[in-house]
C-alpha atoms as a PDB file:
ATOM      1  CA  UNK A   1      -5.274 -27.433  60.971  1.00  0.00           C
ATOM      2  CA  UNK A   2      -3.567 -30.389  59.398  1.00  0.00           C
ATOM      3  CA  UNK A   3      -0.443 -28.579  58.413  1.00  0.00           C
ATOM      4  CA  UNK A   4       0.384 -28.308  62.148  1.00  0.00           C
ATOM      5  CA  UNK A   5       0.629 -32.147  62.326  1.00  0.00           C
ATOM      6  CA  UNK A   6       3.052 -32.354  59.348  1.00  0.00           C
ATOM      7  CA  UNK A   7       6.141 -30.368  59.847  1.00  0.00           C
ATOM      8  CA  UNK A   8       7.600 -32.011  56.752  1.00  0.00           C
ATOM      9  CA  UNK A   9       5.267 -31.008  53.967  1.00  0.00           C
ATOM     10  CA  UNK A  10       6.842 -33.703  51.734  1.00  0.00           C
ATOM     11  CA  UNK A  11       5.095 -36.243  53.998  1.00  0.00           C
ATOM     12  CA  UNK A  12       1.690 -34.421  53.879  1.00  0.00           C
ATOM     13  CA  UNK A  13      -1.192 -36.821  52.895  1.00  0.00           C
ATOM     14  CA  UNK A  14      -2.366 -34.333  50.406  1.00  0.00           C
ATOM     15  CA  UNK A  15       0.536 -35.578  48.155  1.00  0.00           C
ATOM     16  CA  UNK A  16      -0.756 -39.215  48.276  1.00  0.00           C
ATOM     17  CA  UNK A  17      -4.598 -38.777  48.373  1.00  0.00           C
ATOM     18  CA  UNK A  18      -7.145 -36.949  46.393  1.00  0.00           C
ATOM     19  CA  UNK A  19      -8.107 -33.787  48.293  1.00  0.00           C
ATOM     20  CA  UNK A  20     -11.854 -34.608  48.286  1.00  0.00           C
ATOM     21  CA  UNK A  21     -11.169 -37.742  50.332  1.00  0.00           C
ATOM     22  CA  UNK A  22      -9.263 -35.924  53.036  1.00  0.00           C
ATOM     23  CA  UNK A  23     -12.199 -33.727  53.904  1.00  0.00           C
ATOM     24  CA  UNK A  24     -15.409 -35.205  55.791  1.00  0.00           C
ATOM     25  CA  UNK A  25     -18.160 -34.987  53.239  1.00  0.00           C
ATOM     26  CA  UNK A  26     -21.723 -34.618  54.854  1.00  0.00           C
ATOM     27  CA  UNK A  27     -22.643 -31.790  52.532  1.00  0.00           C
ATOM     28  CA  UNK A  28     -21.466 -29.831  55.510  1.00  0.00           C
ATOM     29  CA  UNK A  29     -17.707 -29.723  56.019  1.00  0.00           C
ATOM     30  CA  UNK A  30     -17.306 -29.678  52.094  1.00  0.00           C
ATOM     31  CA  UNK A  31     -20.292 -27.869  50.806  1.00  0.00           C
ATOM     32  CA  UNK A  32     -20.870 -27.036  47.193  1.00  0.00           C
ATOM     33  CA  UNK A  33     -24.508 -26.123  46.977  1.00  0.00           C
ATOM     34  CA  UNK A  34     -26.225 -26.488  50.374  1.00  0.00           C
ATOM     35  CA  UNK A  35     -27.887 -23.244  51.453  1.00  0.00           C
ATOM     36  CA  UNK A  36     -27.590 -22.165  55.091  1.00  0.00           C
ATOM     37  CA  UNK A  37     -31.354 -23.014  55.924  1.00  0.00           C
ATOM     38  CA  UNK A  38     -30.686 -26.763  55.137  1.00  0.00           C
ATOM     39  CA  UNK A  39     -27.631 -27.083  57.398  1.00  0.00           C
ATOM     40  CA  UNK A  40     -28.410 -29.552  60.288  1.00  0.00           C
ATOM     41  CA  UNK A  41     -29.713 -27.720  63.504  1.00  0.00           C
ATOM     42  CA  UNK A  42     -26.691 -29.217  65.275  1.00  0.00           C
ATOM     43  CA  UNK A  43     -24.536 -27.151  63.166  1.00  0.00           C
ATOM     44  CA  UNK A  44     -26.453 -23.934  63.186  1.00  0.00           C
ATOM     45  CA  UNK A  45     -26.995 -24.082  66.900  1.00  0.00           C
ATOM     46  CA  UNK A  46     -23.349 -24.886  67.486  1.00  0.00           C
ATOM     47  CA  UNK A  47     -20.284 -22.664  67.906  1.00  0.00           C
ATOM     48  CA  UNK A  48     -18.514 -24.324  64.961  1.00  0.00           C
ATOM     49  CA  UNK A  49     -16.833 -22.021  62.640  1.00  0.00           C
ATOM     50  CA  UNK A  50     -17.967 -21.753  58.926  1.00  0.00           C
ATOM     51  CA  UNK A  51     -15.787 -20.685  56.087  1.00  0.00           C
ATOM     52  CA  UNK A  52     -17.954 -19.798  53.149  1.00  0.00           C
ATOM     53  CA  UNK A  53     -16.348 -19.195  49.645  1.00  0.00           C
ATOM     54  CA  UNK A  54     -18.482 -17.635  46.892  1.00  0.00           C
ATOM     55  CA  UNK A  55     -17.642 -16.180  43.472  1.00  0.00           C
ATOM     56  CA  UNK A  56     -19.000 -14.100  40.826  1.00  0.00           C
ATOM     57  CA  UNK A  57     -22.229 -15.604  39.520  1.00  0.00           C
ATOM     58  CA  UNK A  58     -21.042 -15.567  35.913  1.00  0.00           C
ATOM     59  CA  UNK A  59     -17.915 -17.538  36.821  1.00  0.00           C
ATOM     60  CA  UNK A  60     -20.148 -19.814  38.918  1.00  0.00           C
ATOM     61  CA  UNK A  61     -22.310 -20.651  35.947  1.00  0.00           C
ATOM     62  CA  UNK A  62     -19.280 -21.304  33.555  1.00  0.00           C
ATOM     63  CA  UNK A  63     -17.817 -23.609  36.138  1.00  0.00           C
ATOM     64  CA  UNK A  64     -21.027 -25.521  36.310  1.00  0.00           C
ATOM     65  CA  UNK A  65     -21.170 -25.564  32.567  1.00  0.00           C
ATOM     66  CA  UNK A  66     -17.804 -26.927  32.140  1.00  0.00           C
ATOM     67  CA  UNK A  67     -18.257 -29.592  34.797  1.00  0.00           C
ATOM     68  CA  UNK A  68     -21.657 -30.748  33.300  1.00  0.00           C
ATOM     69  CA  UNK A  69     -19.725 -31.100  29.860  1.00  0.00           C
ATOM     70  CA  UNK A  70     -16.913 -32.959  31.340  1.00  0.00           C
ATOM     71  CA  UNK A  71     -18.755 -35.325  33.483  1.00  0.00           C
ATOM     72  CA  UNK A  72     -22.104 -35.793  31.863  1.00  0.00           C
ATOM     73  CA  UNK A  73     -21.569 -34.706  28.338  1.00  0.00           C
ATOM     74  CA  UNK A  74     -24.704 -32.630  28.460  1.00  0.00           C
ATOM     75  CA  UNK A  75     -26.636 -32.033  25.240  1.00  0.00           C
ATOM     76  CA  UNK A  76     -28.130 -28.789  26.733  1.00  0.00           C
ATOM     77  CA  UNK A  77     -27.018 -25.761  24.882  1.00  0.00           C
ATOM     78  CA  UNK A  78     -25.055 -22.949  26.671  1.00  0.00           C
ATOM     79  CA  UNK A  79     -28.007 -20.640  26.162  1.00  0.00           C
ATOM     80  CA  UNK A  80     -30.502 -23.000  27.473  1.00  0.00           C
ATOM     81  CA  UNK A  81     -28.431 -23.845  30.548  1.00  0.00           C
ATOM     82  CA  UNK A  82     -27.853 -20.080  31.088  1.00  0.00           C
ATOM     83  CA  UNK A  83     -31.538 -19.417  31.023  1.00  0.00           C
ATOM     84  CA  UNK A  84     -32.182 -22.049  33.635  1.00  0.00           C
ATOM     85  CA  UNK A  85     -29.454 -20.713  35.855  1.00  0.00           C
ATOM     86  CA  UNK A  86     -31.038 -17.236  35.672  1.00  0.00           C
ATOM     87  CA  UNK A  87     -34.276 -18.639  36.640  1.00  0.00           C
ATOM     88  CA  UNK A  88     -32.707 -20.286  39.664  1.00  0.00           C
ATOM     89  CA  UNK A  89     -33.304 -23.801  38.373  1.00  0.00           C
ATOM     90  CA  UNK A  90     -30.399 -25.422  40.321  1.00  0.00           C
ATOM     91  CA  UNK A  91     -30.592 -28.544  42.649  1.00  0.00           C
ATOM     92  CA  UNK A  92     -30.558 -26.273  45.795  1.00  0.00           C
ATOM     93  CA  UNK A  93     -32.264 -23.176  44.391  1.00  0.00           C
ATOM     94  CA  UNK A  94     -30.897 -19.947  43.029  1.00  0.00           C
ATOM     95  CA  UNK A  95     -27.173 -19.392  43.426  1.00  0.00           C
ATOM     96  CA  UNK A  96     -27.638 -15.786  44.714  1.00  0.00           C
ATOM     97  CA  UNK A  97     -30.068 -16.960  47.392  1.00  0.00           C
ATOM     98  CA  UNK A  98     -27.457 -19.535  48.503  1.00  0.00           C
ATOM     99  CA  UNK A  99     -24.759 -16.808  48.977  1.00  0.00           C
ATOM    100  CA  UNK A 100     -27.301 -14.288  50.517  1.00  0.00           C
ATOM    101  CA  UNK A 101     -28.424 -16.870  53.115  1.00  0.00           C
ATOM    102  CA  UNK A 102     -24.904 -17.132  54.544  1.00  0.00           C
ATOM    103  CA  UNK A 103     -24.257 -13.399  54.290  1.00  0.00           C
ATOM    104  CA  UNK A 104     -27.538 -12.531  56.094  1.00  0.00           C
ATOM    105  CA  UNK A 105     -26.901 -15.001  58.803  1.00  0.00           C
ATOM    106  CA  UNK A 106     -23.380 -13.510  59.356  1.00  0.00           C
ATOM    107  CA  UNK A 107     -24.908  -9.996  59.549  1.00  0.00           C
ATOM    108  CA  UNK A 108     -27.886 -11.114  61.777  1.00  0.00           C
ATOM    109  CA  UNK A 109     -25.598 -12.801  64.269  1.00  0.00           C
ATOM    110  CA  UNK A 110     -22.358 -10.747  64.257  1.00  0.00           C
ATOM    111  CA  UNK A 111     -21.001 -12.806  67.177  1.00  0.00           C
ATOM    112  CA  UNK A 112     -21.359 -15.992  65.122  1.00  0.00           C
ATOM    113  CA  UNK A 113     -18.102 -17.233  63.755  1.00  0.00           C
ATOM    114  CA  UNK A 114     -18.538 -17.142  60.055  1.00  0.00           C
ATOM    115  CA  UNK A 115     -16.097 -15.995  57.420  1.00  0.00           C
ATOM    116  CA  UNK A 116     -17.178 -15.092  53.844  1.00  0.00           C
ATOM    117  CA  UNK A 117     -14.499 -15.115  51.138  1.00  0.00           C
ATOM    118  CA  UNK A 118     -14.559 -14.179  47.527  1.00  0.00           C
ATOM    119  CA  UNK A 119     -12.918 -16.778  45.247  1.00  0.00           C
ATOM    120  CA  UNK A 120     -11.476 -14.166  42.808  1.00  0.00           C
ATOM    121  CA  UNK A 121      -9.886 -12.315  45.622  1.00  0.00           C
ATOM    122  CA  UNK A 122      -8.382 -15.476  47.095  1.00  0.00           C
ATOM    123  CA  UNK A 123      -6.791 -16.113  43.840  1.00  0.00           C
ATOM    124  CA  UNK A 124      -5.408 -12.627  43.661  1.00  0.00           C
ATOM    125  CA  UNK A 125      -4.179 -12.446  47.228  1.00  0.00           C
ATOM    126  CA  UNK A 126      -3.517 -16.026  48.396  1.00  0.00           C
ATOM    127  CA  UNK A 127      -1.094 -15.017  51.216  1.00  0.00           C
ATOM    128  CA  UNK A 128      -3.445 -12.554  52.757  1.00  0.00           C
ATOM    129  CA  UNK A 129      -6.382 -15.009  52.539  1.00  0.00           C
ATOM    130  CA  UNK A 130      -4.509 -17.910  53.986  1.00  0.00           C
ATOM    131  CA  UNK A 131      -3.397 -15.800  56.919  1.00  0.00           C
ATOM    132  CA  UNK A 132      -6.988 -14.649  57.460  1.00  0.00           C
ATOM    133  CA  UNK A 133      -8.310 -18.155  57.341  1.00  0.00           C
ATOM    134  CA  UNK A 134      -5.731 -19.608  59.834  1.00  0.00           C
ATOM    135  CA  UNK A 135      -6.281 -16.628  62.216  1.00  0.00           C
ATOM    136  CA  UNK A 136     -10.168 -17.076  61.992  1.00  0.00           C
ATOM    137  CA  UNK A 137      -9.675 -20.846  62.798  1.00  0.00           C
ATOM    138  CA  UNK A 138      -7.453 -19.930  65.801  1.00  0.00           C
ATOM    139  CA  UNK A 139      -4.456 -21.617  64.304  1.00  0.00           C
ATOM    140  CA  UNK A 140      -2.460 -18.612  62.991  1.00  0.00           C
ATOM    141  CA  UNK A 141       1.093 -19.016  61.715  1.00  0.00           C
ATOM    142  CA  UNK A 142       3.676 -17.809  64.180  1.00  0.00           C
ATOM    143  CA  UNK A 143       5.981 -15.122  63.383  1.00  0.00           C
ATOM    144  CA  UNK A 144       8.845 -17.701  63.369  1.00  0.00           C
ATOM    145  CA  UNK A 145       6.883 -19.874  60.914  1.00  0.00           C
ATOM    146  CA  UNK A 146       6.195 -16.898  58.671  1.00  0.00           C
ATOM    147  CA  UNK A 147       9.826 -16.056  58.583  1.00  0.00           C
ATOM    148  CA  UNK A 148      10.734 -19.669  57.648  1.00  0.00           C
ATOM    149  CA  UNK A 149       8.340 -19.556  54.740  1.00  0.00           C
ATOM    150  CA  UNK A 150       5.645 -21.857  56.178  1.00  0.00           C
ATOM    151  CA  UNK A 151       2.910 -19.829  54.489  1.00  0.00           C
ATOM    152  CA  UNK A 152       4.440 -19.990  51.128  1.00  0.00           C
ATOM    153  CA  UNK A 153       5.228 -23.726  51.627  1.00  0.00           C
ATOM    154  CA  UNK A 154       1.599 -24.334  52.432  1.00  0.00           C
ATOM    155  CA  UNK A 155       0.436 -22.357  49.485  1.00  0.00           C
ATOM    156  CA  UNK A 156       2.694 -24.302  47.098  1.00  0.00           C
ATOM    157  CA  UNK A 157       1.515 -27.601  48.544  1.00  0.00           C
ATOM    158  CA  UNK A 158      -2.163 -26.720  47.910  1.00  0.00           C
ATOM    159  CA  UNK A 159      -1.469 -25.044  44.598  1.00  0.00           C
ATOM    160  CA  UNK A 160      -3.307 -26.077  41.437  1.00  0.00           C
ATOM    161  CA  UNK A 161      -0.016 -26.607  39.624  1.00  0.00           C
ATOM    162  CA  UNK A 162       1.235 -28.947  42.352  1.00  0.00           C
ATOM    163  CA  UNK A 163      -1.995 -30.977  42.811  1.00  0.00           C
ATOM    164  CA  UNK A 164      -2.995 -31.277  39.210  1.00  0.00           C
ATOM    165  CA  UNK A 165       0.433 -32.831  38.448  1.00  0.00           C
ATOM    166  CA  UNK A 166       0.251 -35.580  41.052  1.00  0.00           C
ATOM    167  CA  UNK A 167      -0.206 -39.065  39.460  1.00  0.00           C
ATOM    168  CA  UNK A 168      -3.048 -39.962  41.846  1.00  0.00           C
ATOM    169  CA  UNK A 169      -4.992 -36.879  40.701  1.00  0.00           C
ATOM    170  CA  UNK A 170      -4.824 -37.893  37.098  1.00  0.00           C
ATOM    171  CA  UNK A 171      -6.718 -41.179  37.758  1.00  0.00           C
ATOM    172  CA  UNK A 172     -10.368 -41.890  37.891  1.00  0.00           C
ATOM    173  CA  UNK A 173     -12.780 -41.920  40.729  1.00  0.00           C
ATOM    174  CA  UNK A 174     -16.369 -43.241  41.328  1.00  0.00           C
ATOM    175  CA  UNK A 175     -16.039 -45.251  38.131  1.00  0.00           C
ATOM    176  CA  UNK A 176     -15.596 -42.129  36.052  1.00  0.00           C
ATOM    177  CA  UNK A 177     -12.391 -42.152  33.936  1.00  0.00           C
ATOM    178  CA  UNK A 178     -10.235 -39.116  34.802  1.00  0.00           C
ATOM    179  CA  UNK A 179     -12.687 -37.937  37.448  1.00  0.00           C
ATOM    180  CA  UNK A 180      -9.997 -36.532  39.562  1.00  0.00           C
ATOM    181  CA  UNK A 181      -8.466 -34.539  36.661  1.00  0.00           C
ATOM    182  CA  UNK A 182     -11.980 -33.305  35.860  1.00  0.00           C
ATOM    183  CA  UNK A 183     -12.416 -31.823  39.261  1.00  0.00           C
ATOM    184  CA  UNK A 184      -9.035 -30.395  39.373  1.00  0.00           C
ATOM    185  CA  UNK A 185      -9.330 -28.534  36.063  1.00  0.00           C
ATOM    186  CA  UNK A 186      -8.105 -25.017  35.582  1.00  0.00           C
ATOM    187  CA  UNK A 187     -10.952 -22.734  36.708  1.00  0.00           C
ATOM    188  CA  UNK A 188     -10.070 -19.199  35.559  1.00  0.00           C
ATOM    189  CA  UNK A 189     -11.688 -16.076  36.933  1.00  0.00           C
ATOM    190  CA  UNK A 190     -13.634 -14.202  34.257  1.00  0.00           C
ATOM    191  CA  UNK A 191     -13.710 -17.224  32.017  1.00  0.00           C
ATOM    192  CA  UNK A 192     -17.123 -16.111  31.261  1.00  0.00           C
ATOM    193  CA  UNK A 193     -16.015 -13.377  28.791  1.00  0.00           C
ATOM    194  CA  UNK A 194     -15.089 -16.097  26.437  1.00  0.00           C
ATOM    195  CA  UNK A 195     -18.523 -17.719  26.313  1.00  0.00           C
ATOM    196  CA  UNK A 196     -21.296 -15.343  27.353  1.00  0.00           C
ATOM    197  CA  UNK A 197     -22.681 -12.690  24.953  1.00  0.00           C
ATOM    198  CA  UNK A 198     -22.741  -9.186  26.433  1.00  0.00           C
ATOM    199  CA  UNK A 199     -26.575  -9.277  26.738  1.00  0.00           C
ATOM    200  CA  UNK A 200     -26.337 -12.498  28.718  1.00  0.00           C
ATOM    201  CA  UNK A 201     -23.748 -11.075  31.186  1.00  0.00           C
ATOM    202  CA  UNK A 202     -25.959  -7.856  31.403  1.00  0.00           C
ATOM    203  CA  UNK A 203     -29.018  -9.906  32.163  1.00  0.00           C
ATOM    204  CA  UNK A 204     -27.286 -11.832  34.967  1.00  0.00           C
ATOM    205  CA  UNK A 205     -25.835  -8.668  36.456  1.00  0.00           C
ATOM    206  CA  UNK A 206     -29.227  -7.139  36.459  1.00  0.00           C
ATOM    207  CA  UNK A 207     -30.559 -10.112  38.479  1.00  0.00           C
ATOM    208  CA  UNK A 208     -27.861 -10.012  40.981  1.00  0.00           C
ATOM    209  CA  UNK A 209     -28.209  -6.245  41.367  1.00  0.00           C
ATOM    210  CA  UNK A 210     -31.994  -6.759  42.116  1.00  0.00           C
ATOM    211  CA  UNK A 211     -31.512  -9.759  44.381  1.00  0.00           C
ATOM    212  CA  UNK A 212     -28.745  -8.016  46.510  1.00  0.00           C
ATOM    213  CA  UNK A 213     -30.398  -4.626  46.623  1.00  0.00           C
ATOM    214  CA  UNK A 214     -30.327  -3.230  50.212  1.00  0.00           C
ATOM    215  CA  UNK A 215     -27.351  -5.316  51.218  1.00  0.00           C
ATOM    216  CA  UNK A 216     -23.592  -4.618  51.366  1.00  0.00           C
ATOM    217  CA  UNK A 217     -22.747  -7.883  49.744  1.00  0.00           C
ATOM    218  CA  UNK A 218     -20.515  -7.492  46.733  1.00  0.00           C
ATOM    219  CA  UNK A 219     -20.411 -10.450  44.226  1.00  0.00           C
END
C-alpha cells in the first residue's frame, strides 16, 4: 500500500501524476473488461490477491455510453448501443458474464484471496470499504492511525473532487485533448434513470435476473 510510504500525503505522487500512470497496466493490475478466464495462468495459479469492483449493469452501460461519446464522438444512437449491450456485444463479451466469472471463482475456491466490491456501496460507505480493502490486502490502518484521521486523509486524497481539480488531470493524454479530464468525469450512480426508458431498464433487469439465477450475486 503506497500510503504507508508517504507519511505526508501532501507529497504523495497521486498529486503530481495521473492515477492511471501509477498503476501497472497489463490488463491485470488495472482491469476494465478482462474476464477471469483470460487472466494469465501465472495469476490464476498464484496466491496474489484480487480486488474486483463491479456495478449495476445499467450504470455500467451509461458509463460506457458517456465514454464513447466523449472520446470517440460515436454516431451510434443510445437505443442501438443499448441493444448491443443487452446482446453482449462488448470487446470481452457480456458484462454479466464478466462479473459472474469472478464471483463463481470466488465461490469455487473459498480459500482463494478474492474480494468483490459493489461500486455503488463503495460510494455510499467509503470509510467501511477502505478499511475492508486495506485489511484484505494485509495493510490495515492501526488504531493510532485511525485516531489521527489517516483513513479520512486517504479518502480525501483519492476523492473525485481532489483529483479532478488538479492541473495535471485537466490536460490531455495519448494525443487526445482533455483525455485525463474525460476519464475523471463525474460518474453518478443511477445516472441511467435520466437516459433509459422504463422498458429499457426492465429489459436489462430481466436479462440480469435470468443470467444470475441460482447464484447469490446481487448486482
